[in-house]
Amino acid sequence: MINALNLKDLDKLQKEGLQALSEKLGPIGMVNFIRLFDNGKGDYSKERRETLNTITETDFKEFLKNQ
């Protein structure tokens, strides 16, 4: 029963689950599958504004030139 699991059982479940995913999907498929359930961390909008505010027009033109 799931509510009767202790932490050691959860560690074992995680290990076996990752192994099953890796065997079935391959390492890259496993990572992509897990990423479907990861919301990430932080405030994307705030970080984007802060990053874009540090980019100058010269930086942007240089970036475009190198594309």
PDB file of N, CA and C in Angstrom:
ATOM      1  N   MET A   1       0.844  -1.186   0.000  1.00  0.00           N
ATOM      2  CA  MET A   1       0.000   0.000   0.000  1.00  0.00           C
ATOM      3  C   MET A   1       0.879   1.235   0.000  1.00  0.00           C
ATOM      4  N   ILE A   2       0.516   2.218  -0.804  1.00  0.00           N
ATOM      5  CA  ILE A   2       1.357   3.407  -0.967  1.00  0.00           C
ATOM      6  C   ILE A   2       1.503   4.199   0.327  1.00  0.00           C
ATOM      7  N   ASN A   3       0.467   4.297   1.141  1.00  0.00           N
ATOM      8  CA  ASN A   3       0.587   5.092   2.365  1.00  0.00           C
ATOM      9  C   ASN A   3       1.388   4.377   3.447  1.00  0.00           C
ATOM     10  N   ALA A   4       1.722   3.109   3.243  1.00  0.00           N
ATOM     11  CA  ALA A   4       2.519   2.360   4.204  1.00  0.00           C
ATOM     12  C   ALA A   4       4.003   2.389   3.855  1.00  0.00           C
ATOM     13  N   LEU A   5       4.375   3.044   2.751  1.00  0.00           N
ATOM     14  CA  LEU A   5       5.775   3.092   2.349  1.00  0.00           C
ATOM     15  C   LEU A   5       6.571   3.988   3.278  1.00  0.00           C
ATOM     16  N   ASN A   6       7.775   3.573   3.600  1.00  0.00           N
ATOM     17  CA  ASN A   6       8.654   4.465   4.340  1.00  0.00           C
ATOM     18  C   ASN A   6       9.642   5.089   3.363  1.00  0.00           C
ATOM     19  N   LEU A   7      10.510   5.949   3.862  1.00  0.00           N
ATOM     20  CA  LEU A   7      11.440   6.657   2.982  1.00  0.00           C
ATOM     21  C   LEU A   7      12.343   5.702   2.214  1.00  0.00           C
ATOM     22  N   LYS A   8      12.775   4.620   2.828  1.00  0.00           N
ATOM     23  CA  LYS A   8      13.636   3.660   2.133  1.00  0.00           C
ATOM     24  C   LYS A   8      12.883   3.043   0.961  1.00  0.00           C
ATOM     25  N   ASP A   9      11.601   2.744   1.174  1.00  0.00           N
ATOM     26  CA  ASP A   9      10.801   2.191   0.089  1.00  0.00           C
ATOM     27  C   ASP A   9      10.653   3.210  -1.043  1.00  0.00           C
ATOM     28  N   LEU A  10      10.517   4.479  -0.704  1.00  0.00           N
ATOM     29  CA  LEU A  10      10.396   5.523  -1.729  1.00  0.00           C
ATOM     30  C   LEU A  10      11.684   5.661  -2.529  1.00  0.00           C
ATOM     31  N   ASP A  11      12.806   5.558  -1.849  1.00  0.00           N
ATOM     32  CA  ASP A  11      14.096   5.586  -2.556  1.00  0.00           C
ATOM     33  C   ASP A  11      14.196   4.425  -3.534  1.00  0.00           C
ATOM     34  N   LYS A  12      13.780   3.239  -3.083  1.00  0.00           N
ATOM     35  CA  LYS A  12      13.810   2.052  -3.943  1.00  0.00           C
ATOM     36  C   LYS A  12      12.849   2.226  -5.118  1.00  0.00           C
ATOM     37  N   LEU A  13      11.661   2.752  -4.854  1.00  0.00           N
ATOM     38  CA  LEU A  13      10.680   2.986  -5.911  1.00  0.00           C
ATOM     39  C   LEU A  13      11.222   3.960  -6.950  1.00  0.00           C
ATOM     40  N   GLN A  14      11.867   5.035  -6.478  1.00  0.00           N
ATOM     41  CA  GLN A  14      12.433   6.016  -7.400  1.00  0.00           C
ATOM     42  C   GLN A  14      13.527   5.382  -8.252  1.00  0.00           C
ATOM     43  N   LYS A  15      14.420   4.632  -7.627  1.00  0.00           N
ATOM     44  CA  LYS A  15      15.520   3.993  -8.345  1.00  0.00           C
ATOM     45  C   LYS A  15      14.988   3.023  -9.397  1.00  0.00           C
ATOM     46  N   GLU A  16      14.033   2.182  -9.014  1.00  0.00           N
ATOM     47  CA  GLU A  16      13.486   1.208  -9.948  1.00  0.00           C
ATOM     48  C   GLU A  16      12.681   1.883 -11.056  1.00  0.00           C
ATOM     49  N   GLY A  17      11.980   2.955 -10.717  1.00  0.00           N
ATOM     50  CA  GLY A  17      11.222   3.691 -11.724  1.00  0.00           C
ATOM     51  C   GLY A  17      12.128   4.323 -12.762  1.00  0.00           C
ATOM     52  N   LEU A  18      13.212   4.948 -12.313  1.00  0.00           N
ATOM     53  CA  LEU A  18      14.163   5.553 -13.243  1.00  0.00           C
ATOM     54  C   LEU A  18      14.827   4.487 -14.111  1.00  0.00           C
ATOM     55  N   GLN A  19      15.117   3.343 -13.515  1.00  0.00           N
ATOM     56  CA  GLN A  19      15.724   2.251 -14.278  1.00  0.00           C
ATOM     57  C   GLN A  19      14.755   1.757 -15.353  1.00  0.00           C
ATOM     58  N   ALA A  20      13.477   1.613 -14.995  1.00  0.00           N
ATOM     59  CA  ALA A  20      12.479   1.148 -15.968  1.00  0.00           C
ATOM     60  C   ALA A  20      12.323   2.156 -17.110  1.00  0.00           C
ATOM     61  N   LEU A  21      12.277   3.453 -16.760  1.00  0.00           N
ATOM     62  CA  LEU A  21      12.170   4.480 -17.793  1.00  0.00           C
ATOM     63  C   LEU A  21      13.379   4.459 -18.721  1.00  0.00           C
ATOM     64  N   SER A  22      14.552   4.319 -18.139  1.00  0.00           N
ATOM     65  CA  SER A  22      15.779   4.309 -18.925  1.00  0.00           C
ATOM     66  C   SER A  22      15.818   3.105 -19.864  1.00  0.00           C
ATOM     67  N   GLU A  23      15.407   1.952 -19.361  1.00  0.00           N
ATOM     68  CA  GLU A  23      15.412   0.746 -20.194  1.00  0.00           C
ATOM     69  C   GLU A  23      14.401   0.856 -21.333  1.00  0.00           C
ATOM     70  N   LYS A  24      13.242   1.412 -21.060  1.00  0.00           N
ATOM     71  CA  LYS A  24      12.186   1.483 -22.069  1.00  0.00           C
ATOM     72  C   LYS A  24      12.393   2.633 -23.048  1.00  0.00           C
ATOM     73  N   LEU A  25      12.794   3.802 -22.535  1.00  0.00           N
ATOM     74  CA  LEU A  25      12.877   5.006 -23.363  1.00  0.00           C
ATOM     75  C   LEU A  25      14.300   5.373 -23.763  1.00  0.00           C
ATOM     76  N   GLY A  26      15.290   4.781 -23.130  1.00  0.00           N
ATOM     77  CA  GLY A  26      16.672   5.200 -23.324  1.00  0.00           C
ATOM     78  C   GLY A  26      16.954   6.416 -22.457  1.00  0.00           C
ATOM     79  N   PRO A  27      18.215   6.731 -22.245  1.00  0.00           N
ATOM     80  CA  PRO A  27      18.564   7.837 -21.340  1.00  0.00           C
ATOM     81  C   PRO A  27      17.971   9.182 -21.753  1.00  0.00           C
ATOM     82  N   ILE A  28      18.035   9.508 -23.031  1.00  0.00           N
ATOM     83  CA  ILE A  28      17.529  10.801 -23.491  1.00  0.00           C
ATOM     84  C   ILE A  28      16.002  10.842 -23.384  1.00  0.00           C
ATOM     85  N   GLY A  29      15.347   9.759 -23.767  1.00  0.00           N
ATOM     86  CA  GLY A  29      13.897   9.685 -23.642  1.00  0.00           C
ATOM     87  C   GLY A  29      13.461   9.793 -22.198  1.00  0.00           C
ATOM     88  N   MET A  30      14.203   9.168 -21.289  1.00  0.00           N
ATOM     89  CA  MET A  30      13.888   9.243 -19.867  1.00  0.00           C
ATOM     90  C   MET A  30      13.956  10.685 -19.380  1.00  0.00           C
ATOM     91  N   VAL A  31      15.021  11.376 -19.734  1.00  0.00           N
ATOM     92  CA  VAL A  31      15.176  12.775 -19.307  1.00  0.00           C
ATOM     93  C   VAL A  31      14.058  13.634 -19.882  1.00  0.00           C
ATOM     94  N   ASN A  32      13.739  13.455 -21.144  1.00  0.00           N
ATOM     95  CA  ASN A  32      12.663  14.238 -21.755  1.00  0.00           C
ATOM     96  C   ASN A  32      11.323  13.940 -21.098  1.00  0.00           C
ATOM     97  N   PHE A  33      11.067  12.689 -20.743  1.00  0.00           N
ATOM     98  CA  PHE A  33       9.830  12.332 -20.062  1.00  0.00           C
ATOM     99  C   PHE A  33       9.753  13.014 -18.706  1.00  0.00           C
ATOM    100  N   ILE A  34      10.830  12.968 -17.946  1.00  0.00           N
ATOM    101  CA  ILE A  34      10.845  13.581 -16.615  1.00  0.00           C
ATOM    102  C   ILE A  34      10.656  15.087 -16.719  1.00  0.00           C
ATOM    103  N   ARG A  35      11.228  15.704 -17.740  1.00  0.00           N
ATOM    104  CA  ARG A  35      11.098  17.156 -17.916  1.00  0.00           C
ATOM    105  C   ARG A  35       9.649  17.580 -18.148  1.00  0.00           C
ATOM    106  N   LEU A  36       8.816  16.677 -18.634  1.00  0.00           N
ATOM    107  CA  LEU A  36       7.399  17.000 -18.825  1.00  0.00           C
ATOM    108  C   LEU A  36       6.727  17.364 -17.511  1.00  0.00           C
ATOM    109  N   PHE A  37       7.262  16.860 -16.397  1.00  0.00           N
ATOM    110  CA  PHE A  37       6.635  17.055 -15.094  1.00  0.00           C
ATOM    111  C   PHE A  37       7.371  18.059 -14.220  1.00  0.00           C
ATOM    112  N   ASP A  38       8.385  18.713 -14.746  1.00  0.00           N
ATOM    113  CA  ASP A  38       9.178  19.669 -13.975  1.00  0.00           C
ATOM    114  C   ASP A  38       8.780  21.080 -14.358  1.00  0.00           C
ATOM    115  N   ASN A  39       8.272  21.824 -13.393  1.00  0.00           N
ATOM    116  CA  ASN A  39       7.857  23.207 -13.650  1.00  0.00           C
ATOM    117  C   ASN A  39       9.015  24.188 -13.593  1.00  0.00           C
ATOM    118  N   GLY A  40      10.170  23.721 -13.210  1.00  0.00           N
ATOM    119  CA  GLY A  40      11.307  24.620 -13.082  1.00  0.00           C
ATOM    120  C   GLY A  40      11.234  25.419 -11.802  1.00  0.00           C
ATOM    121  N   LYS A  41      12.147  26.340 -11.656  1.00  0.00           N
ATOM    122  CA  LYS A  41      12.212  27.152 -10.444  1.00  0.00           C
ATOM    123  C   LYS A  41      12.444  28.602 -10.831  1.00  0.00           C
ATOM    124  N   GLY A  42      12.066  29.475  -9.958  1.00  0.00           N
ATOM    125  CA  GLY A  42      12.327  30.885 -10.175  1.00  0.00           C
ATOM    126  C   GLY A  42      11.186  31.594 -10.884  1.00  0.00           C
ATOM    127  N   ASP A  43      11.428  32.854 -11.173  1.00  0.00           N
ATOM    128  CA  ASP A  43      10.443  33.709 -11.828  1.00  0.00           C
ATOM    129  C   ASP A  43      10.966  34.039 -13.224  1.00  0.00           C
ATOM    130  N   TYR A  44      10.488  33.303 -14.217  1.00  0.00           N
ATOM    131  CA  TYR A  44      10.985  33.451 -15.583  1.00  0.00           C
ATOM    132  C   TYR A  44      10.824  34.879 -16.083  1.00  0.00           C
ATOM    133  N   SER A  45       9.654  35.489 -15.849  1.00  0.00           N
ATOM    134  CA  SER A  45       9.396  36.842 -16.362  1.00  0.00           C
ATOM    135  C   SER A  45      10.363  37.853 -15.764  1.00  0.00           C
ATOM    136  N   LYS A  46      10.592  37.762 -14.464  1.00  0.00           N
ATOM    137  CA  LYS A  46      11.521  38.683 -13.797  1.00  0.00           C
ATOM    138  C   LYS A  46      12.951  38.482 -14.329  1.00  0.00           C
ATOM    139  N   GLU A  47      13.374  37.223 -14.431  1.00  0.00           N
ATOM    140  CA  GLU A  47      14.728  36.944 -14.920  1.00  0.00           C
ATOM    141  C   GLU A  47      14.895  37.402 -16.361  1.00  0.00           C
ATOM    142  N   ARG A  48      13.869  37.235 -17.167  1.00  0.00           N
ATOM    143  CA  ARG A  48      13.933  37.663 -18.569  1.00  0.00           C
ATOM    144  C   ARG A  48      14.087  39.187 -18.656  1.00  0.00           C
ATOM    145  N   ARG A  49      13.271  39.916 -17.879  1.00  0.00           N
ATOM    146  CA  ARG A  49      13.375  41.381 -17.875  1.00  0.00           C
ATOM    147  C   ARG A  49      14.760  41.827 -17.430  1.00  0.00           C
ATOM    148  N   GLU A  50      15.261  41.219 -16.364  1.00  0.00           N
ATOM    149  CA  GLU A  50      16.588  41.596 -15.863  1.00  0.00           C
ATOM    150  C   GLU A  50      17.668  41.317 -16.905  1.00  0.00           C
ATOM    151  N   THR A  51      17.569  40.192 -17.583  1.00  0.00           N
ATOM    152  CA  THR A  51      18.557  39.843 -18.606  1.00  0.00           C
ATOM    153  C   THR A  51      18.473  40.795 -19.785  1.00  0.00           C
ATOM    154  N   LEU A  52      17.265  41.032 -20.267  1.00  0.00           N
ATOM    155  CA  LEU A  52      17.097  41.903 -21.433  1.00  0.00           C
ATOM    156  C   LEU A  52      17.483  43.344 -21.133  1.00  0.00           C
ATOM    157  N   ASN A  53      17.329  43.776 -19.891  1.00  0.00           N
ATOM    158  CA  ASN A  53      17.700  45.147 -19.528  1.00  0.00           C
ATOM    159  C   ASN A  53      19.209  45.358 -19.537  1.00  0.00           C
ATOM    160  N   THR A  54      19.980  44.279 -19.536  1.00  0.00           N
ATOM    161  CA  THR A  54      21.438  44.418 -19.530  1.00  0.00           C
ATOM    162  C   THR A  54      22.023  44.355 -20.940  1.00  0.00           C
ATOM    163  N   ILE A  55      21.196  44.044 -21.930  1.00  0.00           N
ATOM    164  CA  ILE A  55      21.672  43.928 -23.304  1.00  0.00           C
ATOM    165  C   ILE A  55      21.594  45.288 -23.997  1.00  0.00           C
ATOM    166  N   THR A  56      22.712  45.701 -24.555  1.00  0.00           N
ATOM    167  CA  THR A  56      22.745  46.984 -25.263  1.00  0.00           C
ATOM    168  C   THR A  56      22.410  46.772 -26.736  1.00  0.00           C
ATOM    169  N   GLU A  57      22.159  47.863 -27.424  1.00  0.00           N
ATOM    170  CA  GLU A  57      21.885  47.795 -28.862  1.00  0.00           C
ATOM    171  C   GLU A  57      23.091  47.209 -29.592  1.00  0.00           C
ATOM    172  N   THR A  58      24.281  47.568 -29.158  1.00  0.00           N
ATOM    173  CA  THR A  58      25.501  47.037 -29.766  1.00  0.00           C
ATOM    174  C   THR A  58      25.585  45.530 -29.562  1.00  0.00           C
ATOM    175  N   ASP A  59      25.269  45.067 -28.349  1.00  0.00           N
ATOM    176  CA  ASP A  59      25.264  43.628 -28.075  1.00  0.00           C
ATOM    177  C   ASP A  59      24.297  42.907 -29.015  1.00  0.00           C
ATOM    178  N   PHE A  60      23.113  43.484 -29.175  1.00  0.00           N
ATOM    179  CA  PHE A  60      22.088  42.872 -30.010  1.00  0.00           C
ATOM    180  C   PHE A  60      22.541  42.809 -31.474  1.00  0.00           C
ATOM    181  N   LYS A  61      23.115  43.882 -31.971  1.00  0.00           N
ATOM    182  CA  LYS A  61      23.603  43.892 -33.351  1.00  0.00           C
ATOM    183  C   LYS A  61      24.714  42.881 -33.542  1.00  0.00           C
ATOM    184  N   GLU A  62      25.602  42.761 -32.572  1.00  0.00           N
ATOM    185  CA  GLU A  62      26.687  41.788 -32.637  1.00  0.00           C
ATOM    186  C   GLU A  62      26.121  40.370 -32.635  1.00  0.00           C
ATOM    187  N   PHE A  63      25.112  40.139 -31.814  1.00  0.00           N
ATOM    188  CA  PHE A  63      24.459  38.836 -31.787  1.00  0.00           C
ATOM    189  C   PHE A  63      23.866  38.495 -33.147  1.00  0.00           C
ATOM    190  N   LEU A  64      23.160  39.426 -33.746  1.00  0.00           N
ATOM    191  CA  LEU A  64      22.543  39.195 -35.058  1.00  0.00           C
ATOM    192  C   LEU A  64      23.584  38.942 -36.140  1.00  0.00           C
ATOM    193  N   LYS A  65      24.698  39.618 -36.049  1.00  0.00           N
ATOM    194  CA  LYS A  65      25.762  39.458 -37.016  1.00  0.00           C
ATOM    195  C   LYS A  65      26.349  38.041 -36.970  1.00  0.00           C
ATOM    196  N   ASN A  66      26.362  37.455 -35.790  1.00  0.00           N
ATOM    197  CA  ASN A  66      26.970  36.141 -35.606  1.00  0.00           C
ATOM    198  C   ASN A  66      25.984  34.990 -35.848  1.00  0.00           C
ATOM    199  N   GLN A  67      24.775  35.283 -36.219  1.00  0.00           N
ATOM    200  CA  GLN A  67      23.774  34.225 -36.458  1.00  0.00           C
ATOM    201  C   GLN A  67      23.872  33.686 -37.858  1.00  0.00           C
TER     202      GLN A  67
END
